[in-house]
């Protein structure tokens, strides 16, 4: 889902979920709902094609800068709408890891 935008959005928060493959379409639908919450954040979903663990997907949110990340966490990440989507995602799979990364 989505398009990677490292050139304009070098800061990423990645949330890695362990999920049954049958739940992937519903997870992609949730990514679309998250994407609709803001125009400033790039939303990307990634699933392995070949991997030791084929039960994971990455929900990646890309930001323009570290300060932009903080602003969007306060504005969108803490919103009731986003938290409802997080709860829907938790019904589909289990969050196993989350982190923030920046291109160097």
PDB file of N, CA and C in Angstrom:
ATOM      1  N   UNK A   1       0.842  -1.174   0.000  1.00  0.00           N
ATOM      2  CA  UNK A   1       0.000   0.000   0.000  1.00  0.00           C
ATOM      3  C   UNK A   1       0.887   1.238   0.000  1.00  0.00           C
ATOM      4  N   UNK A   2       0.540   2.236  -0.783  1.00  0.00           N
ATOM      5  CA  UNK A   2       1.228   3.518  -0.763  1.00  0.00           C
ATOM      6  C   UNK A   2       2.542   3.515  -1.515  1.00  0.00           C
ATOM      7  N   UNK A   3       3.189   4.652  -1.507  1.00  0.00           N
ATOM      8  CA  UNK A   3       4.464   4.841  -2.189  1.00  0.00           C
ATOM      9  C   UNK A   3       5.506   5.360  -1.207  1.00  0.00           C
ATOM     10  N   UNK A   4       6.670   4.758  -1.216  1.00  0.00           N
ATOM     11  CA  UNK A   4       7.765   5.191  -0.358  1.00  0.00           C
ATOM     12  C   UNK A   4       8.258   6.551  -0.845  1.00  0.00           C
ATOM     13  N   UNK A   5       8.538   7.456   0.099  1.00  0.00           N
ATOM     14  CA  UNK A   5       8.949   8.821  -0.252  1.00  0.00           C
ATOM     15  C   UNK A   5      10.152   9.254   0.580  1.00  0.00           C
ATOM     16  N   UNK A   6      11.241   8.475   0.519  1.00  0.00           N
ATOM     17  CA  UNK A   6      12.423   8.806   1.320  1.00  0.00           C
ATOM     18  C   UNK A   6      12.967  10.190   0.991  1.00  0.00           C
ATOM     19  N   UNK A   7      12.859  10.626  -0.256  1.00  0.00           N
ATOM     20  CA  UNK A   7      13.439  11.910  -0.657  1.00  0.00           C
ATOM     21  C   UNK A   7      12.755  13.102   0.007  1.00  0.00           C
ATOM     22  N   UNK A   8      11.459  13.040   0.239  1.00  0.00           N
ATOM     23  CA  UNK A   8      10.728  14.154   0.854  1.00  0.00           C
ATOM     24  C   UNK A   8      10.316  13.880   2.293  1.00  0.00           C
ATOM     25  N   UNK A   9      10.306  12.618   2.695  1.00  0.00           N
ATOM     26  CA  UNK A   9       9.868  12.211   4.036  1.00  0.00           C
ATOM     27  C   UNK A   9      10.888  11.229   4.627  1.00  0.00           C
ATOM     28  N   UNK A  10      12.055  11.739   5.097  1.00  0.00           N
ATOM     29  CA  UNK A  10      13.152  10.866   5.517  1.00  0.00           C
ATOM     30  C   UNK A  10      13.018  10.229   6.898  1.00  0.00           C
ATOM     31  N   UNK A  11      11.979  10.587   7.646  1.00  0.00           N
ATOM     32  CA  UNK A  11      11.772  10.022   8.984  1.00  0.00           C
ATOM     33  C   UNK A  11      10.591   9.061   8.925  1.00  0.00           C
ATOM     34  N   UNK A  12      10.785   7.849   9.423  1.00  0.00           N
ATOM     35  CA  UNK A  12       9.727   6.836   9.368  1.00  0.00           C
ATOM     36  C   UNK A  12       9.478   6.217  10.728  1.00  0.00           C
ATOM     37  N   UNK A  13       8.210   6.027  11.033  1.00  0.00           N
ATOM     38  CA  UNK A  13       7.836   5.196  12.172  1.00  0.00           C
ATOM     39  C   UNK A  13       7.305   3.901  11.585  1.00  0.00           C
ATOM     40  N   UNK A  14       7.935   2.794  11.965  1.00  0.00           N
ATOM     41  CA  UNK A  14       7.523   1.481  11.474  1.00  0.00           C
ATOM     42  C   UNK A  14       6.885   0.699  12.605  1.00  0.00           C
ATOM     43  N   UNK A  15       5.707   0.184  12.328  1.00  0.00           N
ATOM     44  CA  UNK A  15       5.017  -0.689  13.273  1.00  0.00           C
ATOM     45  C   UNK A  15       4.930  -2.057  12.601  1.00  0.00           C
ATOM     46  N   UNK A  16       5.499  -3.066  13.223  1.00  0.00           N
ATOM     47  CA  UNK A  16       5.530  -4.405  12.640  1.00  0.00           C
ATOM     48  C   UNK A  16       4.494  -5.266  13.355  1.00  0.00           C
ATOM     49  N   UNK A  17       3.588  -5.809  12.561  1.00  0.00           N
ATOM     50  CA  UNK A  17       2.520  -6.657  13.084  1.00  0.00           C
ATOM     51  C   UNK A  17       2.719  -8.097  12.636  1.00  0.00           C
ATOM     52  N   UNK A  18       2.457  -9.030  13.520  1.00  0.00           N
ATOM     53  CA  UNK A  18       2.364 -10.440  13.156  1.00  0.00           C
ATOM     54  C   UNK A  18       0.888 -10.679  12.875  1.00  0.00           C
ATOM     55  N   UNK A  19       0.608 -11.210  11.685  1.00  0.00           N
ATOM     56  CA  UNK A  19      -0.770 -11.264  11.227  1.00  0.00           C
ATOM     57  C   UNK A  19      -0.981 -12.478  10.329  1.00  0.00           C
ATOM     58  N   UNK A  20      -2.120 -13.081  10.437  1.00  0.00           N
ATOM     59  CA  UNK A  20      -2.484 -14.174   9.542  1.00  0.00           C
ATOM     60  C   UNK A  20      -2.650 -13.613   8.130  1.00  0.00           C
ATOM     61  N   UNK A  21      -2.192 -14.351   7.142  1.00  0.00           N
ATOM     62  CA  UNK A  21      -2.290 -13.886   5.751  1.00  0.00           C
ATOM     63  C   UNK A  21      -3.736 -13.612   5.350  1.00  0.00           C
ATOM     64  N   UNK A  22      -4.683 -14.325   5.947  1.00  0.00           N
ATOM     65  CA  UNK A  22      -6.092 -14.097   5.595  1.00  0.00           C
ATOM     66  C   UNK A  22      -6.569 -12.716   6.053  1.00  0.00           C
ATOM     67  N   UNK A  23      -5.855 -12.098   7.009  1.00  0.00           N
ATOM     68  CA  UNK A  23      -6.237 -10.779   7.512  1.00  0.00           C
ATOM     69  C   UNK A  23      -5.542  -9.624   6.795  1.00  0.00           C
ATOM     70  N   UNK A  24      -4.660  -9.923   5.854  1.00  0.00           N
ATOM     71  CA  UNK A  24      -3.919  -8.869   5.163  1.00  0.00           C
ATOM     72  C   UNK A  24      -4.848  -7.905   4.412  1.00  0.00           C
ATOM     73  N   UNK A  25      -5.854  -8.367   3.667  1.00  0.00           N
ATOM     74  CA  UNK A  25      -6.732  -7.399   2.990  1.00  0.00           C
ATOM     75  C   UNK A  25      -7.408  -6.416   3.952  1.00  0.00           C
ATOM     76  N   UNK A  26      -7.831  -6.891   5.104  1.00  0.00           N
ATOM     77  CA  UNK A  26      -8.445  -6.000   6.096  1.00  0.00           C
ATOM     78  C   UNK A  26      -7.417  -5.011   6.642  1.00  0.00           C
ATOM     79  N   UNK A  27      -6.177  -5.463   6.813  1.00  0.00           N
ATOM     80  CA  UNK A  27      -5.116  -4.573   7.292  1.00  0.00           C
ATOM     81  C   UNK A  27      -4.820  -3.482   6.263  1.00  0.00           C
ATOM     82  N   UNK A  28      -4.810  -3.839   4.992  1.00  0.00           N
ATOM     83  CA  UNK A  28      -4.586  -2.853   3.934  1.00  0.00           C
ATOM     84  C   UNK A  28      -5.713  -1.821   3.938  1.00  0.00           C
ATOM     85  N   UNK A  29      -6.919  -2.268   4.185  1.00  0.00           N
ATOM     86  CA  UNK A  29      -8.055  -1.352   4.285  1.00  0.00           C
ATOM     87  C   UNK A  29      -7.851  -0.350   5.420  1.00  0.00           C
ATOM     88  N   UNK A  30      -7.328  -0.821   6.545  1.00  0.00           N
ATOM     89  CA  UNK A  30      -7.053   0.072   7.678  1.00  0.00           C
ATOM     90  C   UNK A  30      -5.983   1.092   7.297  1.00  0.00           C
ATOM     91  N   UNK A  31      -4.962   0.666   6.553  1.00  0.00           N
ATOM     92  CA  UNK A  31      -3.940   1.616   6.105  1.00  0.00           C
ATOM     93  C   UNK A  31      -4.568   2.744   5.288  1.00  0.00           C
ATOM     94  N   UNK A  32      -5.539   2.404   4.458  1.00  0.00           N
ATOM     95  CA  UNK A  32      -6.251   3.423   3.685  1.00  0.00           C
ATOM     96  C   UNK A  32      -6.995   4.398   4.583  1.00  0.00           C
ATOM     97  N   UNK A  33      -7.576   3.885   5.655  1.00  0.00           N
ATOM     98  CA  UNK A  33      -8.278   4.752   6.602  1.00  0.00           C
ATOM     99  C   UNK A  33      -7.300   5.668   7.336  1.00  0.00           C
ATOM    100  N   UNK A  34      -6.138   5.139   7.691  1.00  0.00           N
ATOM    101  CA  UNK A  34      -5.111   5.966   8.335  1.00  0.00           C
ATOM    102  C   UNK A  34      -4.647   7.049   7.365  1.00  0.00           C
ATOM    103  N   UNK A  35      -4.423   6.667   6.129  1.00  0.00           N
ATOM    104  CA  UNK A  35      -3.965   7.598   5.102  1.00  0.00           C
ATOM    105  C   UNK A  35      -4.938   8.767   4.942  1.00  0.00           C
ATOM    106  N   UNK A  36      -6.219   8.503   5.090  1.00  0.00           N
ATOM    107  CA  UNK A  36      -7.239   9.541   4.931  1.00  0.00           C
ATOM    108  C   UNK A  36      -7.244  10.551   6.081  1.00  0.00           C
ATOM    109  N   UNK A  37      -6.572  10.252   7.184  1.00  0.00           N
ATOM    110  CA  UNK A  37      -6.572  11.151   8.340  1.00  0.00           C
ATOM    111  C   UNK A  37      -5.683  12.377   8.149  1.00  0.00           C
ATOM    112  N   UNK A  38      -4.701  12.305   7.246  1.00  0.00           N
ATOM    113  CA  UNK A  38      -3.783  13.424   7.040  1.00  0.00           C
ATOM    114  C   UNK A  38      -3.183  13.380   5.643  1.00  0.00           C
ATOM    115  N   UNK A  39      -2.913  14.562   5.103  1.00  0.00           N
ATOM    116  CA  UNK A  39      -2.235  14.642   3.808  1.00  0.00           C
ATOM    117  C   UNK A  39      -0.728  14.811   3.974  1.00  0.00           C
ATOM    118  N   UNK A  40      -0.288  15.126   5.195  1.00  0.00           N
ATOM    119  CA  UNK A  40       1.120  15.437   5.437  1.00  0.00           C
ATOM    120  C   UNK A  40       2.002  14.219   5.669  1.00  0.00           C
ATOM    121  N   UNK A  41       1.402  13.070   5.930  1.00  0.00           N
ATOM    122  CA  UNK A  41       2.148  11.854   6.259  1.00  0.00           C
ATOM    123  C   UNK A  41       1.985  10.859   5.122  1.00  0.00           C
ATOM    124  N   UNK A  42       3.087  10.243   4.722  1.00  0.00           N
ATOM    125  CA  UNK A  42       3.034   9.182   3.713  1.00  0.00           C
ATOM    126  C   UNK A  42       2.822   7.859   4.442  1.00  0.00           C
ATOM    127  N   UNK A  43       1.797   7.124   4.056  1.00  0.00           N
ATOM    128  CA  UNK A  43       1.470   5.842   4.684  1.00  0.00           C
ATOM    129  C   UNK A  43       1.829   4.728   3.710  1.00  0.00           C
ATOM    130  N   UNK A  44       2.605   3.756   4.194  1.00  0.00           N
ATOM    131  CA  UNK A  44       3.074   2.664   3.347  1.00  0.00           C
ATOM    132  C   UNK A  44       2.878   1.343   4.080  1.00  0.00           C
ATOM    133  N   UNK A  45       2.379   0.348   3.381  1.00  0.00           N
ATOM    134  CA  UNK A  45       2.280  -1.004   3.912  1.00  0.00           C
ATOM    135  C   UNK A  45       3.210  -1.914   3.135  1.00  0.00           C
ATOM    136  N   UNK A  46       3.964  -2.741   3.848  1.00  0.00           N
ATOM    137  CA  UNK A  46       4.932  -3.634   3.212  1.00  0.00           C
ATOM    138  C   UNK A  46       4.773  -5.034   3.785  1.00  0.00           C
ATOM    139  N   UNK A  47       4.764  -6.023   2.909  1.00  0.00           N
ATOM    140  CA  UNK A  47       4.720  -7.429   3.326  1.00  0.00           C
ATOM    141  C   UNK A  47       5.881  -8.153   2.653  1.00  0.00           C
ATOM    142  N   UNK A  48       6.481  -9.125   3.334  1.00  0.00           N
ATOM    143  CA  UNK A  48       7.599  -9.848   2.729  1.00  0.00           C
ATOM    144  C   UNK A  48       7.145 -10.715   1.558  1.00  0.00           C
ATOM    145  N   UNK A  49       8.005 -10.793   0.557  1.00  0.00           N
ATOM    146  CA  UNK A  49       7.776 -11.704  -0.562  1.00  0.00           C
ATOM    147  C   UNK A  49       8.479 -13.024  -0.271  1.00  0.00           C
ATOM    148  N   UNK A  50       9.707 -12.932   0.233  1.00  0.00           N
ATOM    149  CA  UNK A  50      10.474 -14.088   0.667  1.00  0.00           C
ATOM    150  C   UNK A  50      11.094 -13.722   2.012  1.00  0.00           C
ATOM    151  N   UNK A  51      10.805 -14.507   3.022  1.00  0.00           N
ATOM    152  CA  UNK A  51      11.305 -14.205   4.358  1.00  0.00           C
ATOM    153  C   UNK A  51      11.201 -15.441   5.233  1.00  0.00           C
ATOM    154  N   UNK A  52      12.030 -15.471   6.269  1.00  0.00           N
ATOM    155  CA  UNK A  52      11.927 -16.546   7.255  1.00  0.00           C
ATOM    156  C   UNK A  52      10.568 -16.503   7.948  1.00  0.00           C
ATOM    157  N   UNK A  53      10.052 -15.298   8.151  1.00  0.00           N
ATOM    158  CA  UNK A  53       8.761 -15.119   8.815  1.00  0.00           C
ATOM    159  C   UNK A  53       7.793 -14.434   7.855  1.00  0.00           C
ATOM    160  N   UNK A  54       6.898 -15.207   7.286  1.00  0.00           N
ATOM    161  CA  UNK A  54       5.931 -14.683   6.323  1.00  0.00           C
ATOM    162  C   UNK A  54       4.646 -14.202   6.996  1.00  0.00           C
ATOM    163  N   UNK A  55       4.666 -14.098   8.312  1.00  0.00           N
ATOM    164  CA  UNK A  55       3.451 -13.697   9.033  1.00  0.00           C
ATOM    165  C   UNK A  55       3.507 -12.243   9.493  1.00  0.00           C
ATOM    166  N   UNK A  56       4.383 -11.434   8.898  1.00  0.00           N
ATOM    167  CA  UNK A  56       4.491 -10.051   9.345  1.00  0.00           C
ATOM    168  C   UNK A  56       4.125  -9.073   8.232  1.00  0.00           C
ATOM    169  N   UNK A  57       3.658  -7.906   8.642  1.00  0.00           N
ATOM    170  CA  UNK A  57       3.524  -6.770   7.737  1.00  0.00           C
ATOM    171  C   UNK A  57       4.066  -5.542   8.465  1.00  0.00           C
ATOM    172  N   UNK A  58       4.546  -4.595   7.687  1.00  0.00           N
ATOM    173  CA  UNK A  58       5.053  -3.341   8.230  1.00  0.00           C
ATOM    174  C   UNK A  58       4.066  -2.239   7.869  1.00  0.00           C
ATOM    175  N   UNK A  59       3.582  -1.529   8.851  1.00  0.00           N
ATOM    176  CA  UNK A  59       2.824  -0.300   8.629  1.00  0.00           C
ATOM    177  C   UNK A  59       3.815   0.829   8.873  1.00  0.00           C
ATOM    178  N   UNK A  60       4.117   1.578   7.828  1.00  0.00           N
ATOM    179  CA  UNK A  60       5.146   2.607   7.908  1.00  0.00           C
ATOM    180  C   UNK A  60       4.534   3.972   7.644  1.00  0.00           C
ATOM    181  N   UNK A  61       4.862   4.902   8.526  1.00  0.00           N
ATOM    182  CA  UNK A  61       4.387   6.273   8.406  1.00  0.00           C
ATOM    183  C   UNK A  61       5.608   7.152   8.187  1.00  0.00           C
ATOM    184  N   UNK A  62       5.647   7.898   7.079  1.00  0.00           N
ATOM    185  CA  UNK A  62       6.814   8.697   6.732  1.00  0.00           C
ATOM    186  C   UNK A  62       6.537  10.187   6.953  1.00  0.00           C
ATOM    187  N   UNK A  63       7.529  10.869   7.544  1.00  0.00           N
ATOM    188  CA  UNK A  63       7.403  12.267   7.947  1.00  0.00           C
ATOM    189  C   UNK A  63       8.515  13.111   7.330  1.00  0.00           C
ATOM    190  N   UNK A  64       8.280  14.419   7.248  1.00  0.00           N
ATOM    191  CA  UNK A  64       9.239  15.341   6.639  1.00  0.00           C
ATOM    192  C   UNK A  64      10.467  15.584   7.512  1.00  0.00           C
ATOM    193  N   UNK A  65      10.323  15.458   8.836  1.00  0.00           N
ATOM    194  CA  UNK A  65      11.420  15.721   9.768  1.00  0.00           C
ATOM    195  C   UNK A  65      11.059  15.139  11.132  1.00  0.00           C
ATOM    196  N   UNK A  66      12.010  15.151  12.055  1.00  0.00           N
ATOM    197  CA  UNK A  66      11.732  14.693  13.420  1.00  0.00           C
ATOM    198  C   UNK A  66      10.658  15.576  14.058  1.00  0.00           C
ATOM    199  N   UNK A  67      10.748  16.892  13.860  1.00  0.00           N
ATOM    200  CA  UNK A  67       9.730  17.774  14.452  1.00  0.00           C
ATOM    201  C   UNK A  67       8.364  17.525  13.823  1.00  0.00           C
ATOM    202  N   UNK A  68       8.328  17.245  12.521  1.00  0.00           N
ATOM    203  CA  UNK A  68       7.062  16.916  11.852  1.00  0.00           C
ATOM    204  C   UNK A  68       6.479  15.631  12.434  1.00  0.00           C
ATOM    205  N   UNK A  69       7.343  14.656  12.701  1.00  0.00           N
ATOM    206  CA  UNK A  69       6.897  13.408  13.342  1.00  0.00           C
ATOM    207  C   UNK A  69       6.208  13.720  14.669  1.00  0.00           C
ATOM    208  N   UNK A  70       6.861  14.522  15.519  1.00  0.00           N
ATOM    209  CA  UNK A  70       6.287  14.862  16.818  1.00  0.00           C
ATOM    210  C   UNK A  70       4.962  15.585  16.699  1.00  0.00           C
ATOM    211  N   UNK A  71       4.882  16.526  15.767  1.00  0.00           N
ATOM    212  CA  UNK A  71       3.631  17.261  15.552  1.00  0.00           C
ATOM    213  C   UNK A  71       2.507  16.322  15.132  1.00  0.00           C
ATOM    214  N   UNK A  72       2.807  15.405  14.220  1.00  0.00           N
ATOM    215  CA  UNK A  72       1.776  14.500  13.712  1.00  0.00           C
ATOM    216  C   UNK A  72       1.363  13.457  14.752  1.00  0.00           C
ATOM    217  N   UNK A  73       2.295  13.038  15.601  1.00  0.00           N
ATOM    218  CA  UNK A  73       1.934  12.124  16.692  1.00  0.00           C
ATOM    219  C   UNK A  73       0.937  12.817  17.608  1.00  0.00           C
ATOM    220  N   UNK A  74       1.222  14.087  17.943  1.00  0.00           N
ATOM    221  CA  UNK A  74       0.300  14.840  18.798  1.00  0.00           C
ATOM    222  C   UNK A  74      -1.048  15.063  18.120  1.00  0.00           C
ATOM    223  N   UNK A  75      -1.025  15.402  16.835  1.00  0.00           N
ATOM    224  CA  UNK A  75      -2.246  15.757  16.111  1.00  0.00           C
ATOM    225  C   UNK A  75      -3.061  14.535  15.690  1.00  0.00           C
ATOM    226  N   UNK A  76      -2.411  13.578  15.052  1.00  0.00           N
ATOM    227  CA  UNK A  76      -3.119  12.422  14.484  1.00  0.00           C
ATOM    228  C   UNK A  76      -2.984  11.193  15.368  1.00  0.00           C
ATOM    229  N   UNK A  77      -1.761  10.884  15.777  1.00  0.00           N
ATOM    230  CA  UNK A  77      -1.505   9.649  16.523  1.00  0.00           C
ATOM    231  C   UNK A  77      -2.271   9.540  17.820  1.00  0.00           C
ATOM    232  N   UNK A  78      -2.536  10.659  18.444  1.00  0.00           N
ATOM    233  CA  UNK A  78      -3.263  10.646  19.712  1.00  0.00           C
ATOM    234  C   UNK A  78      -4.758  10.899  19.531  1.00  0.00           C
ATOM    235  N   UNK A  79      -5.197  11.046  18.295  1.00  0.00           N
ATOM    236  CA  UNK A  79      -6.616  11.331  18.044  1.00  0.00           C
ATOM    237  C   UNK A  79      -7.474  10.093  18.291  1.00  0.00           C
ATOM    238  N   UNK A  80      -8.723  10.329  18.608  1.00  0.00           N
ATOM    239  CA  UNK A  80      -9.664   9.234  18.841  1.00  0.00           C
ATOM    240  C   UNK A  80      -9.817   8.376  17.589  1.00  0.00           C
ATOM    241  N   UNK A  81      -9.848   9.021  16.415  1.00  0.00           N
ATOM    242  CA  UNK A  81     -10.007   8.283  15.152  1.00  0.00           C
ATOM    243  C   UNK A  81      -8.849   7.318  14.923  1.00  0.00           C
ATOM    244  N   UNK A  82      -7.621   7.794  15.144  1.00  0.00           N
ATOM    245  CA  UNK A  82      -6.463   6.928  14.946  1.00  0.00           C
ATOM    246  C   UNK A  82      -6.446   5.801  15.967  1.00  0.00           C
ATOM    247  N   UNK A  83      -6.750   6.097  17.212  1.00  0.00           N
ATOM    248  CA  UNK A  83      -6.747   5.074  18.255  1.00  0.00           C
ATOM    249  C   UNK A  83      -7.779   3.986  17.971  1.00  0.00           C
ATOM    250  N   UNK A  84      -8.914   4.357  17.383  1.00  0.00           N
ATOM    251  CA  UNK A  84      -9.906   3.353  16.979  1.00  0.00           C
ATOM    252  C   UNK A  84      -9.335   2.433  15.901  1.00  0.00           C
ATOM    253  N   UNK A  85      -8.567   3.006  14.969  1.00  0.00           N
ATOM    254  CA  UNK A  85      -7.950   2.192  13.918  1.00  0.00           C
ATOM    255  C   UNK A  85      -6.878   1.275  14.489  1.00  0.00           C
ATOM    256  N   UNK A  86      -6.132   1.752  15.482  1.00  0.00           N
ATOM    257  CA  UNK A  86      -5.140   0.903  16.155  1.00  0.00           C
ATOM    258  C   UNK A  86      -5.840  -0.284  16.811  1.00  0.00           C
ATOM    259  N   UNK A  87      -6.974  -0.042  17.439  1.00  0.00           N
ATOM    260  CA  UNK A  87      -7.733  -1.135  18.058  1.00  0.00           C
ATOM    261  C   UNK A  87      -8.230  -2.129  17.015  1.00  0.00           C
ATOM    262  N   UNK A  88      -8.667  -1.641  15.848  1.00  0.00           N
ATOM    263  CA  UNK A  88      -9.078  -2.541  14.764  1.00  0.00           C
ATOM    264  C   UNK A  88      -7.896  -3.392  14.304  1.00  0.00           C
ATOM    265  N   UNK A  89      -6.735  -2.759  14.173  1.00  0.00           N
ATOM    266  CA  UNK A  89      -5.532  -3.491  13.750  1.00  0.00           C
ATOM    267  C   UNK A  89      -5.158  -4.552  14.771  1.00  0.00           C
ATOM    268  N   UNK A  90      -5.318  -4.239  16.045  1.00  0.00           N
ATOM    269  CA  UNK A  90      -4.994  -5.210  17.093  1.00  0.00           C
ATOM    270  C   UNK A  90      -5.932  -6.411  17.079  1.00  0.00           C
ATOM    271  N   UNK A  91      -7.123  -6.249  16.526  1.00  0.00           N
ATOM    272  CA  UNK A  91      -8.030  -7.386  16.363  1.00  0.00           C
ATOM    273  C   UNK A  91      -7.562  -8.314  15.245  1.00  0.00           C
ATOM    274  N   UNK A  92      -6.794  -7.786  14.302  1.00  0.00           N
ATOM    275  CA  UNK A  92      -6.329  -8.573  13.153  1.00  0.00           C
ATOM    276  C   UNK A  92      -4.991  -9.253  13.399  1.00  0.00           C
ATOM    277  N   UNK A  93      -4.164  -8.641  14.226  1.00  0.00           N
ATOM    278  CA  UNK A  93      -2.826  -9.170  14.460  1.00  0.00           C
ATOM    279  C   UNK A  93      -2.250  -8.604  15.737  1.00  0.00           C
ATOM    280  N   UNK A  94      -0.968  -8.882  15.964  1.00  0.00           N
ATOM    281  CA  UNK A  94      -0.289  -8.463  17.187  1.00  0.00           C
ATOM    282  C   UNK A  94       0.881  -7.557  16.844  1.00  0.00           C
ATOM    283  N   UNK A  95       0.939  -6.390  17.465  1.00  0.00           N
ATOM    284  CA  UNK A  95       2.083  -5.507  17.297  1.00  0.00           C
ATOM    285  C   UNK A  95       3.286  -6.148  17.976  1.00  0.00           C
ATOM    286  N   UNK A  96       4.354  -6.391  17.208  1.00  0.00           N
ATOM    287  CA  UNK A  96       5.538  -7.039  17.778  1.00  0.00           C
ATOM    288  C   UNK A  96       6.722  -6.091  17.900  1.00  0.00           C
ATOM    289  N   UNK A  97       6.681  -4.976  17.170  1.00  0.00           N
ATOM    290  CA  UNK A  97       7.795  -4.040  17.224  1.00  0.00           C
ATOM    291  C   UNK A  97       7.356  -2.693  16.671  1.00  0.00           C
ATOM    292  N   UNK A  98       7.971  -1.651  17.191  1.00  0.00           N
ATOM    293  CA  UNK A  98       7.724  -0.313  16.673  1.00  0.00           C
ATOM    294  C   UNK A  98       8.981   0.512  16.881  1.00  0.00           C
ATOM    295  N   UNK A  99       9.308   1.342  15.925  1.00  0.00           N
ATOM    296  CA  UNK A  99      10.485   2.183  16.058  1.00  0.00           C
ATOM    297  C   UNK A  99      10.435   3.333  15.079  1.00  0.00           C
ATOM    298  N   UNK A 100      11.300   4.317  15.303  1.00  0.00           N
ATOM    299  CA  UNK A 100      11.401   5.470  14.416  1.00  0.00           C
ATOM    300  C   UNK A 100      12.794   5.457  13.795  1.00  0.00           C
ATOM    301  N   UNK A 101      12.851   5.663  12.484  1.00  0.00           N
ATOM    302  CA  UNK A 101      14.096   5.590  11.727  1.00  0.00           C
ATOM    303  C   UNK A 101      14.243   6.836  10.871  1.00  0.00           C
ATOM    304  N   UNK A 102      15.502   7.196  10.563  1.00  0.00           N
ATOM    305  CA  UNK A 102      15.762   8.347   9.717  1.00  0.00           C
ATOM    306  C   UNK A 102      16.866   8.005   8.724  1.00  0.00           C
ATOM    307  N   UNK A 103      16.677   8.419   7.474  1.00  0.00           N
ATOM    308  CA  UNK A 103      17.728   8.196   6.485  1.00  0.00           C
ATOM    309  C   UNK A 103      18.943   9.042   6.848  1.00  0.00           C
ATOM    310  N   UNK A 104      20.127   8.513   6.542  1.00  0.00           N
ATOM    311  CA  UNK A 104      21.365   9.241   6.856  1.00  0.00           C
ATOM    312  C   UNK A 104      22.212   9.394   5.606  1.00  0.00           C
TER     313      UNK A 104
END
